[in-house]
Amino acid sequence: MRLQQSKYFILALLLLLGDVRASAKESGGQEKQNYHSISRYISSLHRSGQSIATARGTIAFFIRFVDFGCTVCFNNFLEFCGSLKRSGEIHHEDVLLIVLRDGSSERRQRFMVKKWAGANDLPFPVFLATEEIFDSCSIGHSSVVVLSRLGEVDLAEELPLSGDVARMILSHVSGK
């Protein structure tokens, strides 16, 4: 019970620090450009400049903490991450948590997000991204993006994920 309270306390702090902004979804004609921006940004996160996409691909969560005020979205995210960990097909480095920057200092936010990830048993690398990154990728709501091993966007879905989409992602990354 105390761990559950701590998870929600940390989430509440992150929500309070967050900037509430919404962006409209782009039309289908913009989709390829958005996917290219997403792919380019995710590839840029690797220190050597090479794509971080592995033989199985990469799963990136673009997180706007304000969306986790929705308990269904938050629980769906945690359940799906649990499925990823249990699958045995995914290395922790294959899953990225990309969190929208808020108005606090970067050092403070990084500390808070790492504490939040630890409290929720999320062993994945955490990155902070500016509103401009989210906007250029047309991420208006917390989403999951699946990259192929070539670094191309195979799928992009907003949270919460339906059971069918979650199963499709799990089968995609396991190659089954």
N, C-alpha and C. Protein backbone atom coordinates (compact mmCIF):
# COMPACT_ATOMS: atom_id res chain seq x y z
N MET A 1 0.83 -1.19 0.00
CA MET A 1 0.00 0.00 0.00
C MET A 1 0.88 1.25 0.00
N ARG A 2 1.93 1.24 0.82
CA ARG A 2 2.81 2.40 0.91
C ARG A 2 3.53 2.65 -0.42
N LEU A 3 3.95 1.57 -1.10
CA LEU A 3 4.60 1.70 -2.41
C LEU A 3 3.65 2.31 -3.42
N GLN A 4 2.39 1.89 -3.39
CA GLN A 4 1.39 2.42 -4.30
C GLN A 4 1.21 3.91 -4.06
N GLN A 5 1.13 4.33 -2.79
CA GLN A 5 1.00 5.73 -2.45
C GLN A 5 2.21 6.51 -2.93
N SER A 6 3.38 5.95 -2.78
CA SER A 6 4.60 6.62 -3.21
C SER A 6 4.62 6.81 -4.73
N LYS A 7 4.15 5.80 -5.47
CA LYS A 7 4.08 5.92 -6.93
C LYS A 7 3.19 7.08 -7.33
N TYR A 8 2.01 7.16 -6.71
CA TYR A 8 1.08 8.22 -7.05
C TYR A 8 1.55 9.58 -6.56
N PHE A 9 2.28 9.62 -5.44
CA PHE A 9 2.83 10.87 -4.95
C PHE A 9 3.85 11.42 -5.94
N ILE A 10 4.74 10.56 -6.40
CA ILE A 10 5.75 10.99 -7.37
C ILE A 10 5.08 11.43 -8.67
N LEU A 11 4.07 10.67 -9.11
CA LEU A 11 3.33 11.05 -10.31
C LEU A 11 2.66 12.40 -10.13
N ALA A 12 2.07 12.62 -8.96
CA ALA A 12 1.41 13.90 -8.69
C ALA A 12 2.42 15.05 -8.74
N LEU A 13 3.60 14.85 -8.17
CA LEU A 13 4.64 15.89 -8.23
C LEU A 13 5.03 16.20 -9.68
N LEU A 14 5.18 15.16 -10.47
CA LEU A 14 5.54 15.37 -11.87
C LEU A 14 4.43 16.09 -12.62
N LEU A 15 3.19 15.76 -12.30
CA LEU A 15 2.06 16.44 -12.94
C LEU A 15 2.04 17.92 -12.57
N LEU A 16 2.33 18.22 -11.31
CA LEU A 16 2.34 19.61 -10.86
C LEU A 16 3.45 20.40 -11.55
N LEU A 17 4.58 19.75 -11.81
CA LEU A 17 5.69 20.42 -12.44
C LEU A 17 5.49 20.57 -13.95
N GLY A 18 4.63 19.75 -14.49
CA GLY A 18 4.43 19.69 -15.94
C GLY A 18 3.71 20.90 -16.50
N ASP A 19 3.89 21.12 -17.77
CA ASP A 19 3.24 22.17 -18.52
C ASP A 19 2.08 21.54 -19.26
N VAL A 20 0.88 22.05 -19.11
CA VAL A 20 -0.27 21.46 -19.77
C VAL A 20 -0.47 22.13 -21.12
N ARG A 21 -0.17 21.39 -22.16
CA ARG A 21 -0.34 21.89 -23.53
C ARG A 21 -0.90 20.76 -24.37
N ALA A 22 -1.72 21.11 -25.32
CA ALA A 22 -2.25 20.08 -26.22
C ALA A 22 -1.92 20.50 -27.65
N SER A 23 -1.72 19.53 -28.50
CA SER A 23 -1.51 19.85 -29.90
C SER A 23 -2.44 18.99 -30.72
N ALA A 24 -2.96 19.58 -31.76
CA ALA A 24 -3.89 18.87 -32.62
C ALA A 24 -3.15 17.83 -33.45
N LYS A 25 -3.85 16.76 -33.76
CA LYS A 25 -3.26 15.74 -34.61
C LYS A 25 -3.12 16.28 -36.03
N GLU A 26 -2.05 15.90 -36.67
CA GLU A 26 -1.80 16.31 -38.04
C GLU A 26 -2.58 15.44 -39.00
N SER A 27 -2.76 15.96 -40.21
CA SER A 27 -3.46 15.18 -41.23
C SER A 27 -2.55 14.07 -41.73
N GLY A 28 -3.13 13.08 -42.43
CA GLY A 28 -2.39 11.92 -42.92
C GLY A 28 -1.22 12.30 -43.81
N GLY A 29 -1.30 13.40 -44.55
CA GLY A 29 -0.22 13.83 -45.43
C GLY A 29 1.05 14.17 -44.67
N GLN A 30 0.90 14.55 -43.42
CA GLN A 30 2.03 14.91 -42.56
C GLN A 30 2.65 13.67 -41.93
N GLU A 31 1.97 12.54 -41.98
CA GLU A 31 2.38 11.36 -41.24
C GLU A 31 3.81 10.91 -41.56
N LYS A 32 4.16 10.84 -42.83
CA LYS A 32 5.51 10.39 -43.19
C LYS A 32 6.57 11.33 -42.65
N GLN A 33 6.33 12.63 -42.73
CA GLN A 33 7.28 13.61 -42.21
C GLN A 33 7.40 13.45 -40.70
N ASN A 34 6.27 13.24 -40.02
CA ASN A 34 6.29 13.05 -38.57
C ASN A 34 7.08 11.80 -38.21
N TYR A 35 6.86 10.72 -38.96
CA TYR A 35 7.57 9.48 -38.70
C TYR A 35 9.07 9.66 -38.92
N HIS A 36 9.42 10.42 -39.94
CA HIS A 36 10.85 10.68 -40.20
C HIS A 36 11.45 11.46 -39.03
N SER A 37 10.72 12.46 -38.52
CA SER A 37 11.19 13.24 -37.38
C SER A 37 11.35 12.37 -36.15
N ILE A 38 10.39 11.48 -35.92
CA ILE A 38 10.46 10.58 -34.76
C ILE A 38 11.68 9.68 -34.88
N SER A 39 11.83 9.07 -36.05
CA SER A 39 12.96 8.15 -36.27
C SER A 39 14.29 8.86 -36.10
N ARG A 40 14.40 10.05 -36.67
CA ARG A 40 15.65 10.82 -36.58
C ARG A 40 15.94 11.19 -35.13
N TYR A 41 14.92 11.61 -34.39
CA TYR A 41 15.14 11.99 -33.00
C TYR A 41 15.57 10.79 -32.16
N ILE A 42 14.88 9.68 -32.29
CA ILE A 42 15.22 8.50 -31.50
C ILE A 42 16.64 8.03 -31.84
N SER A 43 16.99 8.05 -33.11
CA SER A 43 18.34 7.65 -33.51
C SER A 43 19.40 8.59 -32.92
N SER A 44 19.05 9.84 -32.73
CA SER A 44 20.01 10.82 -32.20
C SER A 44 20.32 10.59 -30.72
N LEU A 45 19.52 9.81 -30.03
CA LEU A 45 19.72 9.60 -28.60
C LEU A 45 20.92 8.71 -28.29
N HIS A 46 21.36 7.94 -29.25
CA HIS A 46 22.51 7.06 -29.04
C HIS A 46 23.78 7.90 -29.07
N ARG A 47 24.63 7.71 -28.10
CA ARG A 47 25.83 8.55 -27.98
C ARG A 47 26.75 8.48 -29.19
N SER A 48 26.83 7.32 -29.84
CA SER A 48 27.74 7.20 -30.97
C SER A 48 27.14 7.77 -32.25
N GLY A 49 25.86 8.17 -32.17
CA GLY A 49 25.21 8.70 -33.35
C GLY A 49 24.58 7.63 -34.22
N GLN A 50 24.85 6.37 -33.90
CA GLN A 50 24.24 5.29 -34.66
C GLN A 50 22.82 5.06 -34.15
N SER A 51 22.03 4.42 -34.98
CA SER A 51 20.67 4.09 -34.57
C SER A 51 20.74 3.15 -33.38
N ILE A 52 19.84 3.37 -32.42
CA ILE A 52 19.78 2.47 -31.28
C ILE A 52 18.91 1.27 -31.59
N ALA A 53 18.31 1.26 -32.77
CA ALA A 53 17.47 0.13 -33.13
C ALA A 53 18.31 -1.14 -33.14
N THR A 54 17.80 -2.16 -32.52
CA THR A 54 18.51 -3.42 -32.42
C THR A 54 17.96 -4.39 -33.46
N ALA A 55 18.41 -5.60 -33.40
CA ALA A 55 17.92 -6.62 -34.32
C ALA A 55 16.42 -6.80 -34.19
N ARG A 56 15.88 -6.51 -33.03
CA ARG A 56 14.43 -6.67 -32.81
C ARG A 56 13.68 -5.35 -32.94
N GLY A 57 14.38 -4.25 -33.03
CA GLY A 57 13.72 -2.95 -33.09
C GLY A 57 13.75 -2.24 -31.75
N THR A 58 13.10 -1.10 -31.70
CA THR A 58 13.09 -0.27 -30.50
C THR A 58 11.66 0.15 -30.21
N ILE A 59 11.33 0.20 -28.95
CA ILE A 59 10.02 0.71 -28.52
C ILE A 59 10.30 1.98 -27.72
N ALA A 60 9.71 3.08 -28.14
CA ALA A 60 9.90 4.36 -27.45
C ALA A 60 8.55 4.86 -26.94
N PHE A 61 8.52 5.18 -25.67
CA PHE A 61 7.33 5.80 -25.09
C PHE A 61 7.59 7.30 -25.01
N PHE A 62 6.75 8.08 -25.63
CA PHE A 62 6.78 9.53 -25.50
C PHE A 62 5.76 9.87 -24.42
N ILE A 63 6.24 10.39 -23.30
CA ILE A 63 5.39 10.55 -22.12
C ILE A 63 5.15 12.01 -21.80
N ARG A 64 3.88 12.35 -21.71
CA ARG A 64 3.42 13.63 -21.17
C ARG A 64 2.76 13.28 -19.84
N PHE A 65 3.39 13.65 -18.74
CA PHE A 65 2.88 13.22 -17.44
C PHE A 65 1.46 13.68 -17.17
N VAL A 66 1.05 14.77 -17.79
CA VAL A 66 -0.32 15.23 -17.60
C VAL A 66 -1.32 14.16 -18.03
N ASP A 67 -0.97 13.34 -19.01
CA ASP A 67 -1.86 12.28 -19.48
C ASP A 67 -2.03 11.18 -18.44
N PHE A 68 -1.07 11.06 -17.52
CA PHE A 68 -1.16 10.01 -16.51
C PHE A 68 -2.05 10.41 -15.35
N GLY A 69 -2.68 11.59 -15.45
CA GLY A 69 -3.74 11.95 -14.53
C GLY A 69 -4.94 11.03 -14.77
N CYS A 70 -4.96 10.42 -15.94
CA CYS A 70 -5.97 9.41 -16.30
C CYS A 70 -5.45 8.07 -15.78
N THR A 71 -6.11 7.54 -14.76
CA THR A 71 -5.67 6.30 -14.14
C THR A 71 -5.63 5.15 -15.13
N VAL A 72 -6.60 5.11 -16.05
CA VAL A 72 -6.63 4.05 -17.05
C VAL A 72 -5.37 4.10 -17.91
N CYS A 73 -4.98 5.31 -18.35
CA CYS A 73 -3.78 5.47 -19.18
C CYS A 73 -2.53 5.04 -18.42
N PHE A 74 -2.42 5.49 -17.18
CA PHE A 74 -1.25 5.18 -16.36
C PHE A 74 -1.14 3.68 -16.11
N ASN A 75 -2.24 3.05 -15.69
CA ASN A 75 -2.22 1.61 -15.43
C ASN A 75 -1.96 0.81 -16.69
N ASN A 76 -2.53 1.25 -17.81
CA ASN A 76 -2.31 0.56 -19.09
C ASN A 76 -0.83 0.61 -19.46
N PHE A 77 -0.21 1.77 -19.27
CA PHE A 77 1.21 1.94 -19.54
C PHE A 77 2.04 0.98 -18.67
N LEU A 78 1.76 0.96 -17.37
CA LEU A 78 2.51 0.10 -16.46
C LEU A 78 2.30 -1.37 -16.78
N GLU A 79 1.08 -1.76 -17.09
CA GLU A 79 0.80 -3.16 -17.45
C GLU A 79 1.54 -3.55 -18.72
N PHE A 80 1.55 -2.67 -19.71
CA PHE A 80 2.24 -2.99 -20.96
C PHE A 80 3.75 -3.08 -20.73
N CYS A 81 4.30 -2.18 -19.94
CA CYS A 81 5.74 -2.25 -19.63
C CYS A 81 6.05 -3.55 -18.89
N GLY A 82 5.16 -3.98 -18.01
CA GLY A 82 5.34 -5.25 -17.33
C GLY A 82 5.35 -6.41 -18.32
N SER A 83 4.47 -6.35 -19.31
CA SER A 83 4.44 -7.39 -20.36
C SER A 83 5.75 -7.40 -21.15
N LEU A 84 6.28 -6.22 -21.42
CA LEU A 84 7.55 -6.14 -22.15
C LEU A 84 8.67 -6.79 -21.34
N LYS A 85 8.71 -6.50 -20.05
CA LYS A 85 9.76 -7.07 -19.19
C LYS A 85 9.63 -8.58 -19.08
N ARG A 86 8.40 -9.06 -18.96
CA ARG A 86 8.17 -10.50 -18.81
C ARG A 86 8.38 -11.27 -20.11
N SER A 87 8.32 -10.61 -21.24
CA SER A 87 8.38 -11.31 -22.52
C SER A 87 9.70 -12.04 -22.73
N GLY A 88 10.77 -11.53 -22.15
CA GLY A 88 12.07 -12.15 -22.32
C GLY A 88 12.67 -11.90 -23.70
N GLU A 89 11.92 -11.26 -24.56
CA GLU A 89 12.37 -10.98 -25.93
C GLU A 89 13.04 -9.61 -26.04
N ILE A 90 12.86 -8.80 -25.03
CA ILE A 90 13.27 -7.41 -25.09
C ILE A 90 14.38 -7.15 -24.09
N HIS A 91 15.42 -6.47 -24.54
CA HIS A 91 16.45 -6.00 -23.63
C HIS A 91 16.02 -4.63 -23.12
N HIS A 92 16.40 -4.28 -21.92
CA HIS A 92 15.98 -3.00 -21.35
C HIS A 92 16.38 -1.83 -22.24
N GLU A 93 17.51 -1.95 -22.94
CA GLU A 93 17.98 -0.86 -23.80
C GLU A 93 17.11 -0.70 -25.04
N ASP A 94 16.26 -1.69 -25.33
CA ASP A 94 15.39 -1.63 -26.50
C ASP A 94 14.14 -0.81 -26.25
N VAL A 95 13.92 -0.42 -25.00
CA VAL A 95 12.74 0.35 -24.64
C VAL A 95 13.21 1.68 -24.07
N LEU A 96 12.68 2.77 -24.60
CA LEU A 96 13.08 4.10 -24.16
C LEU A 96 11.89 4.84 -23.56
N LEU A 97 12.14 5.57 -22.50
CA LEU A 97 11.13 6.45 -21.92
C LEU A 97 11.57 7.88 -22.24
N ILE A 98 10.83 8.54 -23.10
CA ILE A 98 11.15 9.91 -23.51
C ILE A 98 10.09 10.80 -22.89
N VAL A 99 10.50 11.61 -21.93
CA VAL A 99 9.58 12.39 -21.12
C VAL A 99 9.65 13.87 -21.52
N LEU A 100 8.48 14.47 -21.62
CA LEU A 100 8.39 15.89 -21.95
C LEU A 100 8.99 16.73 -20.83
N ARG A 101 9.88 17.66 -21.20
CA ARG A 101 10.49 18.58 -20.24
C ARG A 101 9.43 19.47 -19.64
N ASP A 102 9.61 19.81 -18.39
CA ASP A 102 8.69 20.74 -17.74
C ASP A 102 9.43 22.02 -17.40
N GLY A 103 8.83 22.85 -16.59
CA GLY A 103 9.42 24.14 -16.27
C GLY A 103 10.49 24.11 -15.19
N SER A 104 10.71 22.97 -14.56
CA SER A 104 11.73 22.88 -13.51
C SER A 104 13.11 22.74 -14.14
N SER A 105 14.12 22.77 -13.30
CA SER A 105 15.47 22.60 -13.82
C SER A 105 15.60 21.19 -14.40
N GLU A 106 16.45 21.05 -15.40
CA GLU A 106 16.63 19.75 -16.03
C GLU A 106 17.15 18.74 -15.01
N ARG A 107 18.06 19.15 -14.17
CA ARG A 107 18.63 18.26 -13.17
C ARG A 107 17.55 17.75 -12.21
N ARG A 108 16.69 18.66 -11.76
CA ARG A 108 15.62 18.28 -10.84
C ARG A 108 14.63 17.34 -11.53
N GLN A 109 14.25 17.67 -12.77
CA GLN A 109 13.30 16.81 -13.46
C GLN A 109 13.89 15.43 -13.73
N ARG A 110 15.13 15.38 -14.15
CA ARG A 110 15.78 14.09 -14.41
C ARG A 110 15.77 13.24 -13.13
N PHE A 111 16.09 13.86 -11.99
CA PHE A 111 16.07 13.18 -10.71
C PHE A 111 14.67 12.64 -10.40
N MET A 112 13.66 13.48 -10.57
CA MET A 112 12.28 13.08 -10.26
C MET A 112 11.81 11.96 -11.19
N VAL A 113 12.13 12.06 -12.46
CA VAL A 113 11.69 11.04 -13.42
C VAL A 113 12.39 9.71 -13.14
N LYS A 114 13.66 9.76 -12.79
CA LYS A 114 14.36 8.51 -12.46
C LYS A 114 13.78 7.88 -11.19
N LYS A 115 13.43 8.70 -10.22
CA LYS A 115 12.77 8.18 -9.00
C LYS A 115 11.42 7.56 -9.36
N TRP A 116 10.66 8.24 -10.21
CA TRP A 116 9.37 7.72 -10.65
C TRP A 116 9.53 6.39 -11.38
N ALA A 117 10.52 6.32 -12.27
CA ALA A 117 10.76 5.08 -13.02
C ALA A 117 11.15 3.96 -12.05
N GLY A 118 12.00 4.26 -11.10
CA GLY A 118 12.40 3.26 -10.12
C GLY A 118 11.24 2.79 -9.26
N ALA A 119 10.40 3.72 -8.82
CA ALA A 119 9.25 3.37 -7.99
C ALA A 119 8.26 2.49 -8.74
N ASN A 120 8.25 2.62 -10.07
CA ASN A 120 7.34 1.84 -10.90
C ASN A 120 8.02 0.65 -11.57
N ASP A 121 9.25 0.34 -11.12
CA ASP A 121 10.00 -0.82 -11.62
C ASP A 121 10.17 -0.77 -13.14
N LEU A 122 10.55 0.40 -13.64
CA LEU A 122 10.79 0.60 -15.07
C LEU A 122 12.30 0.74 -15.30
N PRO A 123 12.96 -0.34 -15.71
CA PRO A 123 14.42 -0.35 -15.82
C PRO A 123 14.95 0.23 -17.14
N PHE A 124 14.11 0.95 -17.86
CA PHE A 124 14.46 1.42 -19.19
C PHE A 124 15.18 2.78 -19.14
N PRO A 125 16.01 3.06 -20.15
CA PRO A 125 16.67 4.37 -20.20
C PRO A 125 15.64 5.50 -20.30
N VAL A 126 15.94 6.58 -19.59
CA VAL A 126 15.05 7.74 -19.55
C VAL A 126 15.73 8.93 -20.23
N PHE A 127 14.97 9.62 -21.07
CA PHE A 127 15.46 10.82 -21.75
C PHE A 127 14.44 11.93 -21.55
N LEU A 128 14.92 13.16 -21.51
CA LEU A 128 14.03 14.31 -21.45
C LEU A 128 14.02 14.97 -22.82
N ALA A 129 12.85 15.39 -23.27
CA ALA A 129 12.72 16.04 -24.57
C ALA A 129 11.89 17.31 -24.42
N THR A 130 12.23 18.30 -25.20
CA THR A 130 11.53 19.58 -25.14
C THR A 130 10.18 19.50 -25.85
N GLU A 131 9.36 20.49 -25.59
CA GLU A 131 8.06 20.62 -26.26
C GLU A 131 8.25 20.68 -27.78
N GLU A 132 9.34 21.31 -28.22
CA GLU A 132 9.61 21.41 -29.66
C GLU A 132 9.80 20.04 -30.29
N ILE A 133 10.47 19.14 -29.58
CA ILE A 133 10.65 17.77 -30.09
C ILE A 133 9.30 17.08 -30.20
N PHE A 134 8.50 17.17 -29.14
CA PHE A 134 7.18 16.54 -29.17
C PHE A 134 6.34 17.14 -30.31
N ASP A 135 6.39 18.46 -30.46
CA ASP A 135 5.61 19.10 -31.52
C ASP A 135 6.09 18.70 -32.91
N SER A 136 7.42 18.66 -33.11
CA SER A 136 7.94 18.32 -34.44
C SER A 136 7.61 16.88 -34.81
N CYS A 137 7.39 16.04 -33.81
CA CYS A 137 7.01 14.65 -34.04
C CYS A 137 5.50 14.46 -33.97
N SER A 138 4.77 15.56 -33.77
CA SER A 138 3.31 15.54 -33.64
C SER A 138 2.84 14.59 -32.54
N ILE A 139 3.52 14.65 -31.40
CA ILE A 139 3.13 13.86 -30.23
C ILE A 139 2.29 14.77 -29.35
N GLY A 140 0.97 14.67 -29.48
CA GLY A 140 0.07 15.51 -28.71
C GLY A 140 -0.45 14.82 -27.47
N HIS A 141 -0.22 13.52 -27.38
CA HIS A 141 -0.70 12.71 -26.27
C HIS A 141 0.35 11.62 -26.04
N SER A 142 0.48 11.15 -24.82
CA SER A 142 1.45 10.09 -24.55
C SER A 142 1.23 8.93 -25.52
N SER A 143 2.34 8.46 -26.09
CA SER A 143 2.27 7.48 -27.18
C SER A 143 3.39 6.47 -27.09
N VAL A 144 3.21 5.37 -27.79
CA VAL A 144 4.26 4.39 -27.98
C VAL A 144 4.58 4.36 -29.47
N VAL A 145 5.87 4.31 -29.77
CA VAL A 145 6.34 4.25 -31.15
C VAL A 145 7.24 3.02 -31.26
N VAL A 146 6.99 2.22 -32.29
CA VAL A 146 7.79 1.02 -32.51
C VAL A 146 8.61 1.24 -33.77
N LEU A 147 9.93 1.13 -33.61
CA LEU A 147 10.84 1.26 -34.76
C LEU A 147 11.31 -0.13 -35.18
N SER A 148 11.45 -0.30 -36.48
CA SER A 148 12.00 -1.55 -37.00
C SER A 148 13.50 -1.59 -36.71
N ARG A 149 14.12 -2.70 -37.02
CA ARG A 149 15.57 -2.80 -36.80
C ARG A 149 16.33 -1.85 -37.71
N LEU A 150 15.67 -1.35 -38.77
CA LEU A 150 16.29 -0.38 -39.67
C LEU A 150 16.05 1.06 -39.21
N GLY A 151 15.32 1.22 -38.10
CA GLY A 151 15.07 2.56 -37.57
C GLY A 151 13.87 3.25 -38.18
N GLU A 152 13.03 2.49 -38.90
CA GLU A 152 11.82 3.07 -39.49
C GLU A 152 10.64 2.86 -38.56
N VAL A 153 9.72 3.83 -38.54
CA VAL A 153 8.55 3.71 -37.68
C VAL A 153 7.61 2.67 -38.26
N ASP A 154 7.37 1.62 -37.49
CA ASP A 154 6.42 0.58 -37.88
C ASP A 154 5.03 0.84 -37.33
N LEU A 155 4.99 1.50 -36.17
CA LEU A 155 3.71 1.71 -35.51
C LEU A 155 3.83 2.87 -34.54
N ALA A 156 2.79 3.67 -34.47
CA ALA A 156 2.70 4.75 -33.49
C ALA A 156 1.27 4.79 -32.98
N GLU A 157 1.10 4.64 -31.68
CA GLU A 157 -0.23 4.59 -31.07
C GLU A 157 -0.25 5.41 -29.79
N GLU A 158 -1.37 6.08 -29.57
CA GLU A 158 -1.55 6.81 -28.31
C GLU A 158 -1.95 5.84 -27.21
N LEU A 159 -1.59 6.21 -25.98
CA LEU A 159 -2.01 5.44 -24.81
C LEU A 159 -3.40 5.90 -24.41
N PRO A 160 -4.24 5.05 -23.87
CA PRO A 160 -4.01 3.65 -23.54
C PRO A 160 -4.06 2.77 -24.79
N LEU A 161 -3.32 1.66 -24.74
CA LEU A 161 -3.28 0.72 -25.85
C LEU A 161 -4.41 -0.30 -25.70
N SER A 162 -5.03 -0.63 -26.81
CA SER A 162 -6.02 -1.72 -26.77
C SER A 162 -5.26 -3.03 -26.61
N GLY A 163 -5.95 -4.06 -26.18
CA GLY A 163 -5.32 -5.37 -26.04
C GLY A 163 -4.76 -5.88 -27.35
N ASP A 164 -5.48 -5.62 -28.45
CA ASP A 164 -5.01 -6.06 -29.77
C ASP A 164 -3.70 -5.37 -30.17
N VAL A 165 -3.63 -4.07 -29.93
CA VAL A 165 -2.42 -3.33 -30.28
C VAL A 165 -1.25 -3.79 -29.41
N ALA A 166 -1.49 -3.99 -28.13
CA ALA A 166 -0.43 -4.46 -27.22
C ALA A 166 0.10 -5.81 -27.69
N ARG A 167 -0.80 -6.73 -28.01
CA ARG A 167 -0.37 -8.05 -28.50
C ARG A 167 0.40 -7.93 -29.81
N MET A 168 -0.06 -7.03 -30.69
CA MET A 168 0.61 -6.84 -31.97
C MET A 168 2.04 -6.34 -31.76
N ILE A 169 2.22 -5.40 -30.84
CA ILE A 169 3.56 -4.88 -30.55
C ILE A 169 4.45 -5.99 -29.98
N LEU A 170 3.92 -6.73 -29.03
CA LEU A 170 4.70 -7.82 -28.42
C LEU A 170 5.09 -8.87 -29.46
N SER A 171 4.19 -9.21 -30.37
CA SER A 171 4.52 -10.20 -31.38
C SER A 171 5.49 -9.62 -32.41
N HIS A 172 5.37 -8.33 -32.67
CA HIS A 172 6.27 -7.66 -33.63
C HIS A 172 7.71 -7.70 -33.13
N VAL A 173 7.90 -7.33 -31.86
CA VAL A 173 9.27 -7.29 -31.34
C VAL A 173 9.85 -8.66 -31.07
N SER A 174 8.97 -9.64 -30.89
CA SER A 174 9.49 -10.99 -30.67
C SER A 174 9.71 -11.71 -31.99
N GLY A 175 9.27 -11.10 -33.09
CA GLY A 175 9.47 -11.71 -34.40
C GLY A 175 8.52 -12.86 -34.67
N LYS A 176 7.47 -12.96 -33.90
CA LYS A 176 6.52 -14.08 -34.06
C LYS A 176 5.29 -13.61 -34.79
